């Protein structure tokens, strides 16, 4: 699987070989503090999703492309607050909104359908500077940068526990 992503007028190419069916997560750090976190999903789900962090308080977006690298949409989902973590589980994409402002860290995790509908930037609202996301298929997990804990919630956003793992 190979794909190209346009970033600040430049094209970056990522290649994954021997990847098993499922989700492959890759982080690419580009120039000018642009951080892309990719969630590459199966052909059936048809897409590559990434977080465009933004800088200087300009927020960010969730980008999308076909799994062959075509049909790039840098603003597939707009209105995110410095998104970093991206994970795809079933029919949904989730992302962290840690904010681009150190003085005002974000507290939310967003969710939308894979087709970009049903965007909810405030899907989970109690996180403490959420950053990376992962899932085991039953729960969504995230790190809370402000207090060094790991949060957990059901994939439908219920049973939120911001202090699932402490210490």
Foldseek 3Di string as FASTA:
>chain_A
DKAWAQDPNDIDIDDDPPDDAAWDWDWDADPPRFIWIWTQHHVVLFWIWIWGQDADQPGTAIWIAGNHHPPTDRHLDDDAARWAAWYDAPQKIKTDRQHRDPVDGAFAMWMDGSNSPPTDNHLDGGAARWHYWDDPNFKIWTARVVAGAIWIDGPNSPPTDNHPDHD
